[in-house]
C-alpha atoms as a PDB file:
ATOM      1  CA  MET A   1     -62.138 -23.638   2.003  1.00  0.00           C
ATOM      2  CA  ALA A   2     -61.253 -24.516   5.550  1.00  0.00           C
ATOM      3  CA  THR A   3     -59.674 -21.851   7.706  1.00  0.00           C
ATOM      4  CA  THR A   4     -56.717 -21.653  10.031  1.00  0.00           C
ATOM      5  CA  ASN A   5     -59.217 -21.347  12.895  1.00  0.00           C
ATOM      6  CA  GLU A   6     -59.938 -25.066  12.537  1.00  0.00           C
ATOM      7  CA  ILE A   7     -56.377 -25.754  13.699  1.00  0.00           C
ATOM      8  CA  ASN A   8     -55.973 -24.896  17.355  1.00  0.00           C
ATOM      9  CA  TRP A   9     -52.561 -23.232  17.106  1.00  0.00           C
ATOM     10  CA  PRO A  10     -51.605 -19.927  18.705  1.00  0.00           C
ATOM     11  CA  GLU A  11     -51.313 -17.018  16.283  1.00  0.00           C
ATOM     12  CA  SER A  12     -47.572 -16.977  16.981  1.00  0.00           C
ATOM     13  CA  VAL A  13     -47.247 -20.444  15.412  1.00  0.00           C
ATOM     14  CA  TRP A  14     -48.927 -19.316  12.192  1.00  0.00           C
ATOM     15  CA  GLN A  15     -46.812 -16.185  12.183  1.00  0.00           C
ATOM     16  CA  GLU A  16     -43.613 -18.206  12.502  1.00  0.00           C
ATOM     17  CA  ILE A  17     -44.702 -20.506   9.656  1.00  0.00           C
ATOM     18  CA  ASN A  18     -45.531 -17.664   7.287  1.00  0.00           C
ATOM     19  CA  GLU A  19     -42.448 -15.661   8.163  1.00  0.00           C
ATOM     20  CA  GLY A  20     -40.417 -18.706   7.146  1.00  0.00           C
ATOM     21  CA  VAL A  21     -42.410 -18.982   3.920  1.00  0.00           C
ATOM     22  CA  MET A  22     -41.803 -15.339   3.039  1.00  0.00           C
ATOM     23  CA  ARG A  23     -38.081 -15.569   3.748  1.00  0.00           C
ATOM     24  CA  GLU A  24     -37.825 -18.587   1.470  1.00  0.00           C
ATOM     25  CA  VAL A  25     -39.778 -17.226  -1.495  1.00  0.00           C
ATOM     26  CA  SER A  26     -37.947 -13.902  -1.259  1.00  0.00           C
ATOM     27  CA  LYS A  27     -34.629 -15.724  -1.390  1.00  0.00           C
ATOM     28  CA  VAL A  28     -35.481 -18.030  -4.305  1.00  0.00           C
ATOM     29  CA  ARG A  29     -37.495 -15.719  -6.581  1.00  0.00           C
ATOM     30  CA  ILE A  30     -35.584 -14.167  -9.472  1.00  0.00           C
ATOM     31  CA  ALA A  31     -38.178 -12.378 -11.619  1.00  0.00           C
ATOM     32  CA  GLN A  32     -39.300 -10.198  -8.706  1.00  0.00           C
ATOM     33  CA  LYS A  33     -35.669  -9.170  -8.197  1.00  0.00           C
ATOM     34  CA  VAL A  34     -35.525  -7.970 -11.811  1.00  0.00           C
ATOM     35  CA  PHE A  35     -38.898  -6.387 -12.541  1.00  0.00           C
ATOM     36  CA  PRO A  36     -40.897  -3.809 -10.555  1.00  0.00           C
ATOM     37  CA  THR A  37     -43.603  -5.578  -8.568  1.00  0.00           C
ATOM     38  CA  SER A  38     -46.831  -4.423  -6.946  1.00  0.00           C
ATOM     39  CA  SER A  39     -48.394  -6.451  -4.139  1.00  0.00           C
ATOM     40  CA  PHE A  40     -51.974  -6.222  -2.889  1.00  0.00           C
ATOM     41  CA  THR A  41     -53.653  -7.289   0.339  1.00  0.00           C
ATOM     42  CA  ASP A  42     -57.311  -7.092  -0.744  1.00  0.00           C
ATOM     43  CA  ASN A  43     -57.253 -10.282  -2.882  1.00  0.00           C
ATOM     44  CA  PRO A  44     -58.047  -8.743  -6.300  1.00  0.00           C
ATOM     45  CA  THR A  45     -59.230 -11.137  -9.009  1.00  0.00           C
ATOM     46  CA  GLN A  46     -57.718  -9.362 -12.007  1.00  0.00           C
ATOM     47  CA  VAL A  47     -55.140  -6.793 -13.061  1.00  0.00           C
ATOM     48  CA  ALA A  48     -55.315  -4.136 -15.777  1.00  0.00           C
ATOM     49  CA  ASP A  49     -53.648  -5.390 -18.967  1.00  0.00           C
ATOM     50  CA  GLU A  50     -51.910  -2.119 -19.774  1.00  0.00           C
ATOM     51  CA  VAL A  51     -50.554  -2.884 -23.248  1.00  0.00           C
ATOM     52  CA  ILE A  52     -49.496   0.398 -24.842  1.00  0.00           C
ATOM     53  CA  ASN A  53     -50.441   1.511 -28.363  1.00  0.00           C
ATOM     54  CA  PHE A  54     -47.274   3.297 -29.421  1.00  0.00           C
ATOM     55  CA  GLY A  55     -48.737   4.941 -32.498  1.00  0.00           C
ATOM     56  CA  VAL A  56     -50.755   7.321 -30.306  1.00  0.00           C
ATOM     57  CA  LEU A  57     -49.366   6.402 -26.849  1.00  0.00           C
ATOM     58  CA  THR A  58     -52.625   5.159 -25.348  1.00  0.00           C
ATOM     59  CA  ILE A  59     -53.872   2.229 -23.271  1.00  0.00           C
ATOM     60  CA  SER A  60     -57.259   0.700 -24.036  1.00  0.00           C
ATOM     61  CA  GLU A  61     -59.855   0.846 -21.276  1.00  0.00           C
ATOM     62  CA  GLY A  62     -61.232  -2.304 -19.716  1.00  0.00           C
ATOM     63  CA  ALA A  63     -58.582  -4.847 -20.774  1.00  0.00           C
ATOM     64  CA  THR A  64     -57.715  -7.129 -17.850  1.00  0.00           C
ATOM     65  CA  LYS A  65     -55.839 -10.318 -16.997  1.00  0.00           C
ATOM     66  CA  PRO A  66     -56.935 -12.725 -14.259  1.00  0.00           C
ATOM     67  CA  TYR A  67     -54.469 -13.671 -11.573  1.00  0.00           C
ATOM     68  CA  THR A  68     -52.924 -17.107 -11.870  1.00  0.00           C
ATOM     69  CA  GLU A  69     -52.884 -19.199  -8.696  1.00  0.00           C
ATOM     70  CA  LEU A  70     -49.958 -21.414  -7.736  1.00  0.00           C
ATOM     71  CA  PHE A  71     -50.053 -23.732  -4.749  1.00  0.00           C
ATOM     72  CA  ALA A  72     -48.221 -26.661  -3.200  1.00  0.00           C
ATOM     73  CA  GLU A  73     -50.056 -29.020  -0.858  1.00  0.00           C
ATOM     74  CA  PHE A  74     -48.700 -31.128   2.013  1.00  0.00           C
ATOM     75  CA  SER A  75     -50.127 -33.053   4.958  1.00  0.00           C
ATOM     76  CA  LEU A  76     -49.525 -33.643   8.659  1.00  0.00           C
ATOM     77  CA  THR A  77     -50.694 -36.420  10.929  1.00  0.00           C
ATOM     78  CA  SER A  78     -52.914 -35.578  13.890  1.00  0.00           C
ATOM     79  CA  THR A  79     -49.945 -36.074  16.216  1.00  0.00           C
ATOM     80  CA  GLN A  80     -47.805 -33.689  14.164  1.00  0.00           C
ATOM     81  CA  VAL A  81     -50.589 -31.102  14.282  1.00  0.00           C
ATOM     82  CA  GLN A  82     -50.739 -31.383  18.065  1.00  0.00           C
ATOM     83  CA  GLN A  83     -46.957 -31.111  18.368  1.00  0.00           C
ATOM     84  CA  GLU A  84     -46.458 -28.228  15.896  1.00  0.00           C
ATOM     85  CA  PRO A  85     -45.588 -25.626  18.568  1.00  0.00           C
ATOM     86  CA  ILE A  86     -42.726 -27.920  19.633  1.00  0.00           C
ATOM     87  CA  GLN A  87     -41.655 -29.902  16.547  1.00  0.00           C
ATOM     88  CA  HIS A  88     -42.461 -27.346  13.793  1.00  0.00           C
ATOM     89  CA  VAL A  89     -43.166 -29.989  11.136  1.00  0.00           C
ATOM     90  CA  CYS A  90     -45.673 -27.749   9.366  1.00  0.00           C
ATOM     91  CA  ARG A  91     -43.126 -24.934   9.240  1.00  0.00           C
ATOM     92  CA  THR A  92     -40.522 -27.295   7.787  1.00  0.00           C
ATOM     93  CA  LEU A  93     -42.854 -28.571   5.071  1.00  0.00           C
ATOM     94  CA  ALA A  94     -44.240 -25.099   4.353  1.00  0.00           C
ATOM     95  CA  ILE A  95     -40.750 -23.734   3.746  1.00  0.00           C
ATOM     96  CA  MET A  96     -39.997 -26.638   1.416  1.00  0.00           C
ATOM     97  CA  ALA A  97     -43.269 -25.970  -0.424  1.00  0.00           C
ATOM     98  CA  ALA A  98     -42.413 -22.263  -0.581  1.00  0.00           C
ATOM     99  CA  LYS A  99     -39.155 -23.068  -2.343  1.00  0.00           C
ATOM    100  CA  ALA A 100     -41.010 -25.083  -4.981  1.00  0.00           C
ATOM    101  CA  LEU A 101     -43.613 -22.329  -5.291  1.00  0.00           C
ATOM    102  CA  ALA A 102     -40.991 -19.620  -5.890  1.00  0.00           C
ATOM    103  CA  LEU A 103     -39.380 -21.696  -8.642  1.00  0.00           C
ATOM    104  CA  ALA A 104     -42.794 -22.309 -10.210  1.00  0.00           C
ATOM    105  CA  GLU A 105     -43.544 -18.590 -10.083  1.00  0.00           C
ATOM    106  CA  ASP A 106     -40.417 -17.854 -12.089  1.00  0.00           C
ATOM    107  CA  ARG A 107     -41.253 -20.660 -14.496  1.00  0.00           C
ATOM    108  CA  TYR A 108     -44.678 -19.127 -15.090  1.00  0.00           C
ATOM    109  CA  PHE A 109     -43.235 -15.669 -15.684  1.00  0.00           C
ATOM    110  CA  TYR A 110     -40.526 -16.860 -18.133  1.00  0.00           C
ATOM    111  CA  GLN A 111     -41.923 -20.099 -19.696  1.00  0.00           C
ATOM    112  CA  LEU A 112     -40.527 -20.773 -23.227  1.00  0.00           C
ATOM    113  CA  SER A 113     -39.910 -18.589 -26.275  1.00  0.00           C
ATOM    114  CA  ASN A 114     -41.815 -21.070 -28.442  1.00  0.00           C
ATOM    115  CA  ARG A 115     -45.433 -19.914 -28.543  1.00  0.00           C
ATOM    116  CA  ALA A 116     -46.466 -23.215 -30.130  1.00  0.00           C
ATOM    117  CA  ALA A 117     -45.066 -25.284 -27.252  1.00  0.00           C
ATOM    118  CA  ARG A 118     -47.630 -27.228 -25.249  1.00  0.00           C
ATOM    119  CA  ARG A 119     -48.891 -25.334 -22.227  1.00  0.00           C
ATOM    120  CA  ASP A 120     -51.131 -27.231 -19.843  1.00  0.00           C
ATOM    121  CA  PRO A 121     -51.603 -27.332 -16.046  1.00  0.00           C
ATOM    122  CA  ASP A 122     -51.011 -31.094 -16.268  1.00  0.00           C
ATOM    123  CA  PRO A 123     -47.209 -31.577 -16.528  1.00  0.00           C
ATOM    124  CA  ALA A 124     -47.776 -34.789 -18.494  1.00  0.00           C
ATOM    125  CA  ASN A 125     -49.303 -32.724 -21.305  1.00  0.00           C
ATOM    126  CA  SER A 126     -47.089 -29.640 -21.123  1.00  0.00           C
ATOM    127  CA  ASP A 127     -43.664 -28.484 -22.276  1.00  0.00           C
ATOM    128  CA  VAL A 128     -43.761 -25.890 -19.474  1.00  0.00           C
ATOM    129  CA  LYS A 129     -43.645 -28.200 -16.493  1.00  0.00           C
ATOM    130  CA  PHE A 130     -44.609 -27.180 -12.981  1.00  0.00           C
ATOM    131  CA  GLU A 131     -43.162 -30.114 -11.179  1.00  0.00           C
ATOM    132  CA  PRO A 132     -45.013 -31.690  -8.255  1.00  0.00           C
ATOM    133  CA  PRO A 133     -46.109 -30.694  -5.684  1.00  0.00           C
ATOM    134  CA  VAL A 134     -46.889 -27.345  -7.342  1.00  0.00           C
ATOM    135  CA  LYS A 135     -50.163 -26.975  -9.215  1.00  0.00           C
ATOM    136  CA  ILE A 136     -51.355 -24.033 -11.301  1.00  0.00           C
ATOM    137  CA  VAL A 137     -54.923 -22.748 -11.642  1.00  0.00           C
ATOM    138  CA  ASN A 138     -56.450 -20.078 -13.883  1.00  0.00           C
ATOM    139  CA  TRP A 139     -53.585 -20.112 -16.387  1.00  0.00           C
ATOM    140  CA  ARG A 140     -54.718 -18.781 -19.772  1.00  0.00           C
ATOM    141  CA  THR A 141     -52.606 -21.202 -21.772  1.00  0.00           C
ATOM    142  CA  ASN A 142     -53.785 -19.754 -25.085  1.00  0.00           C
ATOM    143  CA  LEU A 143     -52.752 -16.195 -24.193  1.00  0.00           C
ATOM    144  CA  ASP A 144     -50.202 -16.030 -21.374  1.00  0.00           C
ATOM    145  CA  PHE A 145     -47.089 -17.508 -22.999  1.00  0.00           C
ATOM    146  CA  GLY A 146     -44.515 -15.882 -20.706  1.00  0.00           C
ATOM    147  CA  LEU A 147     -41.811 -13.251 -21.078  1.00  0.00           C
ATOM    148  CA  LEU A 148     -39.554 -15.339 -23.313  1.00  0.00           C
ATOM    149  CA  ALA A 149     -42.390 -15.724 -25.815  1.00  0.00           C
ATOM    150  CA  ASP A 150     -43.151 -12.002 -25.630  1.00  0.00           C
ATOM    151  CA  ALA A 151     -39.507 -11.468 -26.630  1.00  0.00           C
ATOM    152  CA  ASN A 152     -40.007 -13.762 -29.634  1.00  0.00           C
ATOM    153  CA  PRO A 153     -43.072 -12.623 -31.627  1.00  0.00           C
ATOM    154  CA  ALA A 154     -43.624 -13.577 -35.243  1.00  0.00           C
ATOM    155  CA  GLY A 155     -43.186  -9.984 -36.423  1.00  0.00           C
ATOM    156  CA  ALA A 156     -39.822  -9.275 -34.764  1.00  0.00           C
ATOM    157  CA  ASP A 157     -37.830  -6.765 -36.823  1.00  0.00           C
ATOM    158  CA  ASP A 158     -34.623  -4.955 -35.870  1.00  0.00           C
ATOM    159  CA  SER A 159     -35.183  -2.193 -38.422  1.00  0.00           C
ATOM    160  CA  LYS A 160     -38.643  -1.094 -37.232  1.00  0.00           C
ATOM    161  CA  SER A 161     -38.766   1.036 -34.096  1.00  0.00           C
ATOM    162  CA  THR A 162     -42.273  -0.194 -33.248  1.00  0.00           C
ATOM    163  CA  GLU A 163     -41.415  -3.912 -33.342  1.00  0.00           C
ATOM    164  CA  VAL A 164     -39.610  -6.255 -30.950  1.00  0.00           C
ATOM    165  CA  SER A 165     -35.991  -7.002 -31.855  1.00  0.00           C
ATOM    166  CA  LYS A 166     -35.112 -10.359 -33.358  1.00  0.00           C
ATOM    167  CA  PRO A 167     -33.532 -12.933 -31.024  1.00  0.00           C
ATOM    168  CA  ILE A 168     -29.744 -12.746 -30.859  1.00  0.00           C
ATOM    169  CA  THR A 169     -27.852 -15.979 -31.460  1.00  0.00           C
ATOM    170  CA  VAL A 170     -24.856 -16.538 -29.170  1.00  0.00           C
ATOM    171  CA  GLU A 171     -22.415 -18.767 -31.007  1.00  0.00           C
ATOM    172  CA  LEU A 172     -19.986 -21.166 -29.370  1.00  0.00           C
ATOM    173  CA  SER A 173     -16.532 -19.752 -28.721  1.00  0.00           C
ATOM    174  CA  ILE A 174     -13.749 -20.988 -30.977  1.00  0.00           C
ATOM    175  CA  GLY A 175     -10.768 -21.876 -28.818  1.00  0.00           C
ATOM    176  CA  GLY A 176     -10.160 -20.535 -25.323  1.00  0.00           C
ATOM    177  CA  ASN A 177     -11.455 -21.828 -22.012  1.00  0.00           C
ATOM    178  CA  ALA A 178     -15.070 -20.649 -22.149  1.00  0.00           C
ATOM    179  CA  THR A 179     -17.968 -22.228 -24.015  1.00  0.00           C
ATOM    180  CA  TRP A 180     -19.428 -18.921 -25.265  1.00  0.00           C
ATOM    181  CA  GLY A 181     -17.055 -16.426 -23.651  1.00  0.00           C
ATOM    182  CA  GLU A 182     -16.648 -13.189 -25.584  1.00  0.00           C
ATOM    183  CA  ASN A 183     -19.702 -13.993 -27.687  1.00  0.00           C
ATOM    184  CA  THR A 184     -21.989 -13.537 -24.677  1.00  0.00           C
ATOM    185  CA  PHE A 185     -20.576 -10.064 -24.060  1.00  0.00           C
ATOM    186  CA  GLU A 186     -20.980  -9.146 -27.715  1.00  0.00           C
ATOM    187  CA  ALA A 187     -24.599 -10.368 -27.649  1.00  0.00           C
ATOM    188  CA  VAL A 188     -25.327  -8.183 -24.613  1.00  0.00           C
ATOM    189  CA  THR A 189     -23.779  -5.088 -26.190  1.00  0.00           C
ATOM    190  CA  LYS A 190     -25.683  -5.718 -29.418  1.00  0.00           C
ATOM    191  CA  GLY A 191     -28.887  -6.216 -27.451  1.00  0.00           C
ATOM    192  CA  ILE A 192     -28.443  -2.942 -25.577  1.00  0.00           C
ATOM    193  CA  SER A 193     -27.848  -1.158 -28.886  1.00  0.00           C
ATOM    194  CA  LEU A 194     -31.091  -2.630 -30.219  1.00  0.00           C
ATOM    195  CA  LEU A 195     -32.951  -1.582 -27.074  1.00  0.00           C
ATOM    196  CA  ILE A 196     -31.680   1.978 -27.422  1.00  0.00           C
ATOM    197  CA  ALA A 197     -32.807   2.014 -31.063  1.00  0.00           C
ATOM    198  CA  LYS A 198     -36.285   0.976 -29.868  1.00  0.00           C
ATOM    199  CA  THR A 199     -36.381   4.006 -27.497  1.00  0.00           C
ATOM    200  CA  GLN A 200     -35.745   1.844 -24.420  1.00  0.00           C
ATOM    201  CA  ALA A 201     -33.825   3.217 -21.464  1.00  0.00           C
ATOM    202  CA  PRO A 202     -31.642   1.952 -18.606  1.00  0.00           C
ATOM    203  CA  ASN A 203     -31.300   0.326 -16.266  1.00  0.00           C
ATOM    204  CA  TYR A 204     -30.712  -2.919 -18.138  1.00  0.00           C
ATOM    205  CA  ALA A 205     -30.855  -6.373 -16.570  1.00  0.00           C
ATOM    206  CA  LEU A 206     -29.729  -9.797 -17.759  1.00  0.00           C
ATOM    207  CA  VAL A 207     -31.030 -13.237 -16.776  1.00  0.00           C
ATOM    208  CA  LEU A 208     -29.179 -16.297 -18.090  1.00  0.00           C
ATOM    209  CA  PRO A 209     -29.632 -20.054 -17.761  1.00  0.00           C
ATOM    210  CA  THR A 210     -27.284 -21.694 -15.279  1.00  0.00           C
ATOM    211  CA  THR A 211     -24.641 -23.023 -17.681  1.00  0.00           C
ATOM    212  CA  SER A 212     -24.413 -19.816 -19.714  1.00  0.00           C
ATOM    213  CA  TYR A 213     -24.250 -17.736 -16.530  1.00  0.00           C
ATOM    214  CA  ALA A 214     -21.476 -19.882 -15.057  1.00  0.00           C
ATOM    215  CA  ASP A 215     -19.573 -19.645 -18.341  1.00  0.00           C
ATOM    216  CA  THR A 216     -19.298 -15.862 -17.973  1.00  0.00           C
ATOM    217  CA  PHE A 217     -17.060 -16.394 -14.923  1.00  0.00           C
ATOM    218  CA  VAL A 218     -14.530 -18.474 -16.864  1.00  0.00           C
ATOM    219  CA  PRO A 219     -11.473 -16.450 -17.998  1.00  0.00           C
ATOM    220  CA  PRO A 220     -11.574 -16.502 -21.813  1.00  0.00           C
ATOM    221  CA  SER A 221      -7.898 -17.434 -21.984  1.00  0.00           C
ATOM    222  CA  ASN A 222      -4.978 -18.292 -19.732  1.00  0.00           C
ATOM    223  CA  ALA A 223      -3.486 -14.897 -20.538  1.00  0.00           C
ATOM    224  CA  SER A 224      -6.284 -12.917 -18.844  1.00  0.00           C
ATOM    225  CA  LEU A 225      -8.033 -13.008 -15.483  1.00  0.00           C
ATOM    226  CA  VAL A 226     -10.778 -10.627 -16.642  1.00  0.00           C
ATOM    227  CA  THR A 227     -13.959 -12.647 -17.110  1.00  0.00           C
ATOM    228  CA  THR A 228     -16.938 -12.013 -19.349  1.00  0.00           C
ATOM    229  CA  ALA A 229     -18.993 -11.376 -16.193  1.00  0.00           C
ATOM    230  CA  ASP A 230     -16.565  -8.607 -15.193  1.00  0.00           C
ATOM    231  CA  ARG A 231     -17.273  -6.880 -18.499  1.00  0.00           C
ATOM    232  CA  ILE A 232     -21.041  -7.463 -18.492  1.00  0.00           C
ATOM    233  CA  ARG A 233     -21.829  -6.267 -14.961  1.00  0.00           C
ATOM    234  CA  PRO A 234     -21.196  -2.527 -15.572  1.00  0.00           C
ATOM    235  CA  LEU A 235     -23.649  -2.668 -18.494  1.00  0.00           C
ATOM    236  CA  VAL A 236     -26.535  -4.246 -16.578  1.00  0.00           C
ATOM    237  CA  GLU A 237     -27.016  -2.080 -13.512  1.00  0.00           C
ATOM    238  CA  GLY A 238     -30.511  -3.507 -13.131  1.00  0.00           C
ATOM    239  CA  GLY A 239     -28.962  -6.844 -12.188  1.00  0.00           C
ATOM    240  CA  PHE A 240     -27.152  -9.886 -13.566  1.00  0.00           C
ATOM    241  CA  TYR A 241     -28.920 -13.087 -12.545  1.00  0.00           C
ATOM    242  CA  THR A 242     -29.251 -16.759 -13.290  1.00  0.00           C
ATOM    243  CA  SER A 243     -32.397 -18.845 -13.081  1.00  0.00           C
ATOM    244  CA  GLY A 244     -32.550 -22.610 -13.108  1.00  0.00           C
ATOM    245  CA  VAL A 245     -36.046 -22.540 -14.625  1.00  0.00           C
ATOM    246  CA  LEU A 246     -34.899 -20.937 -17.880  1.00  0.00           C
ATOM    247  CA  PRO A 247     -34.463 -23.239 -20.875  1.00  0.00           C
ATOM    248  CA  PRO A 248     -30.766 -24.192 -21.206  1.00  0.00           C
ATOM    249  CA  ASP A 249     -30.390 -22.209 -24.435  1.00  0.00           C
ATOM    250  CA  GLU A 250     -32.438 -19.071 -23.677  1.00  0.00           C
ATOM    251  CA  GLY A 251     -31.583 -15.907 -21.785  1.00  0.00           C
ATOM    252  CA  LEU A 252     -33.331 -12.556 -21.485  1.00  0.00           C
ATOM    253  CA  LEU A 253     -31.954  -9.023 -21.696  1.00  0.00           C
ATOM    254  CA  VAL A 254     -34.404  -6.374 -20.508  1.00  0.00           C
ATOM    255  CA  ALA A 255     -34.651  -2.606 -20.334  1.00  0.00           C
ATOM    256  CA  LEU A 256     -36.299  -1.384 -17.141  1.00  0.00           C
ATOM    257  CA  GLY A 257     -36.687   2.344 -17.838  1.00  0.00           C
ATOM    258  CA  GLY A 258     -40.351   3.381 -17.794  1.00  0.00           C
ATOM    259  CA  GLU A 259     -41.511   0.068 -16.252  1.00  0.00           C
ATOM    260  CA  PRO A 260     -42.259  -1.696 -19.569  1.00  0.00           C
ATOM    261  CA  VAL A 261     -42.829  -4.953 -17.687  1.00  0.00           C
ATOM    262  CA  LYS A 262     -44.671  -5.111 -14.373  1.00  0.00           C
ATOM    263  CA  LEU A 263     -45.301  -8.026 -12.037  1.00  0.00           C
ATOM    264  CA  TYR A 264     -48.292  -8.234  -9.724  1.00  0.00           C
ATOM    265  CA  VAL A 265     -48.890 -10.250  -6.572  1.00  0.00           C
ATOM    266  CA  GLY A 266     -52.595 -10.505  -5.840  1.00  0.00           C
ATOM    267  CA  ARG A 267     -52.005 -12.739  -2.846  1.00  0.00           C
ATOM    268  CA  GLU A 268     -48.612 -13.118  -1.215  1.00  0.00           C
ATOM    269  CA  ALA A 269     -47.343 -16.608  -0.455  1.00  0.00           C
ATOM    270  CA  THR A 270     -49.077 -17.876   2.667  1.00  0.00           C
ATOM    271  CA  THR A 271     -49.850 -21.150   4.410  1.00  0.00           C
ATOM    272  CA  GLU A 272     -53.418 -22.250   5.013  1.00  0.00           C
ATOM    273  CA  PHE A 273     -55.263 -25.302   6.295  1.00  0.00           C
ATOM    274  CA  VAL A 274     -57.306 -26.942   3.522  1.00  0.00           C
ATOM    275  CA  ARG A 275     -59.090 -30.055   4.805  1.00  0.00           C
ATOM    276  CA  LYS A 276     -58.971 -33.124   7.020  1.00  0.00           C
ATOM    277  CA  GLU A 277     -59.037 -36.645   5.579  1.00  0.00           C
ATOM    278  CA  GLY A 278     -59.101 -39.389   8.166  1.00  0.00           C
ATOM    279  CA  ALA A 279     -56.229 -38.750  10.563  1.00  0.00           C
ATOM    280  CA  ASN A 280     -54.385 -36.483   8.110  1.00  0.00           C
ATOM    281  CA  TYR A 281     -54.574 -32.707   7.958  1.00  0.00           C
ATOM    282  CA  PHE A 282     -53.876 -31.088   4.588  1.00  0.00           C
ATOM    283  CA  PHE A 283     -52.285 -27.675   4.186  1.00  0.00           C
ATOM    284  CA  ARG A 284     -51.040 -25.673   1.249  1.00  0.00           C
ATOM    285  CA  VAL A 285     -48.759 -22.762   0.485  1.00  0.00           C
ATOM    286  CA  VAL A 286     -50.549 -20.587  -2.061  1.00  0.00           C
ATOM    287  CA  GLU A 287     -49.987 -17.363  -3.980  1.00  0.00           C
ATOM    288  CA  ARG A 288     -51.620 -15.506  -6.875  1.00  0.00           C
ATOM    289  CA  VAL A 289     -49.466 -13.679  -9.413  1.00  0.00           C
ATOM    290  CA  GLN A 290     -49.567 -12.140 -12.874  1.00  0.00           C
ATOM    291  CA  TYR A 291     -47.332 -10.248 -15.281  1.00  0.00           C
ATOM    292  CA  VAL A 292     -48.114  -7.444 -17.724  1.00  0.00           C
ATOM    293  CA  VAL A 293     -45.882  -6.599 -20.677  1.00  0.00           C
ATOM    294  CA  ARG A 294     -46.698  -2.988 -21.457  1.00  0.00           C
ATOM    295  CA  ASP A 295     -43.918  -2.667 -24.038  1.00  0.00           C
ATOM    296  CA  PRO A 296     -42.465  -5.936 -25.392  1.00  0.00           C
ATOM    297  CA  ARG A 297     -39.759  -3.976 -27.218  1.00  0.00           C
ATOM    298  CA  ALA A 298     -37.991  -3.832 -23.852  1.00  0.00           C
ATOM    299  CA  LEU A 299     -37.242  -7.574 -24.130  1.00  0.00           C
ATOM    300  CA  VAL A 300     -34.401  -9.119 -26.137  1.00  0.00           C
ATOM    301  CA  LEU A 301     -34.131 -12.899 -26.349  1.00  0.00           C
ATOM    302  CA  LEU A 302     -30.667 -14.488 -26.350  1.00  0.00           C
ATOM    303  CA  LYS A 303     -30.383 -17.922 -27.987  1.00  0.00           C
ATOM    304  CA  PHE A 304     -27.281 -19.878 -26.960  1.00  0.00           C
ATOM    305  CA  VAL A 305     -26.005 -22.430 -29.471  1.00  0.00           C
ATOM    306  CA  GLN A 306     -25.569 -25.630 -27.476  1.00  0.00           C
ATOM    307  CA  PRO A 307     -22.479 -27.863 -27.539  1.00  0.00           C
ATOM    308  CA  ALA A 308     -22.912 -31.218 -29.231  1.00  0.00           C
ATOM    309  CA  GLY A 309     -25.020 -33.590 -27.161  1.00  0.00           C
ATOM    310  CA  VAL A 310     -26.702 -30.875 -25.058  1.00  0.00           C
ATOM    311  CA  PRO A 311     -30.470 -30.559 -25.688  1.00  0.00           C
ATOM    312  CA  ALA A 312     -31.962 -27.137 -26.353  1.00  0.00           C
ATOM    313  CA  ALA A 313     -35.467 -25.830 -25.817  1.00  0.00           C
ATOM    314  CA  LYS A 314     -37.946 -26.956 -28.449  1.00  0.00           C
ATOM    315  CA  ALA A 315     -37.432 -24.910 -31.574  1.00  0.00           C
ATOM    316  CA  LYS A 316     -40.145 -22.686 -32.933  1.00  0.00           C
ATOM    317  CA  PRO A 317     -41.810 -24.440 -35.891  1.00  0.00           C
END
């Protein structure tokens, strides 16, 4: 790997570029706003996979998960490299790459509830698509299915305290102005009740796809100005968010008490020089992340019935 020393820029130029990158990823990321996150500066290669055995409340020794690497590459001409302290082209492209990287990070963390969906670093062969220019490396596609899939295991059972709750279906609203309206609120209250029954604790947080999130701000009828969002917010003190990378029909309700889900950043988003090809200089914005679900019972999947003509995520076979 080439180093930043091969580009004759003052340290202040690199600092300005990476400060812009960090501002952008911090603004765009959603999962790191919801879940507790630990960041490291010593470039670890793996993280402890602290899945809890609830029969005896133990964690097995030695289980680990490798970090997954996400990066977005871009290039500058030799003239643009020379003029970077004045024109800031690298900073501009790095910030744009950082935006794509932050979205890809969330996509990796959430993915799809369908464990049988195709997962492949090549977007042409995958139902979980990391759109160009982002690429993903070291993704265990046969094991790391994402948080939505962890909320949708084959053995889900509402009646057993040791099992994940079944997904909650959010039906379309009959009449009124909203598409789901009151039904979203009822799904959240039911989900919290299920979480409590599974010995989960507040705070609770809710992440919805864009259309379902926007629908909560529609007054359910002309006779009331109180929206579904107004009623949901007091229940989810851990945050009420939307993410454009979620499938259009899937949302996630989570309990945060006890840190049942933890995110890890093995390498924070940073810009680095990669190589020179002819007159072009190639750079990339790169980060390494991973998630650990210590207690999947803290996750409740919401499945939104879609209006006619609106595609949903691929159903579980």
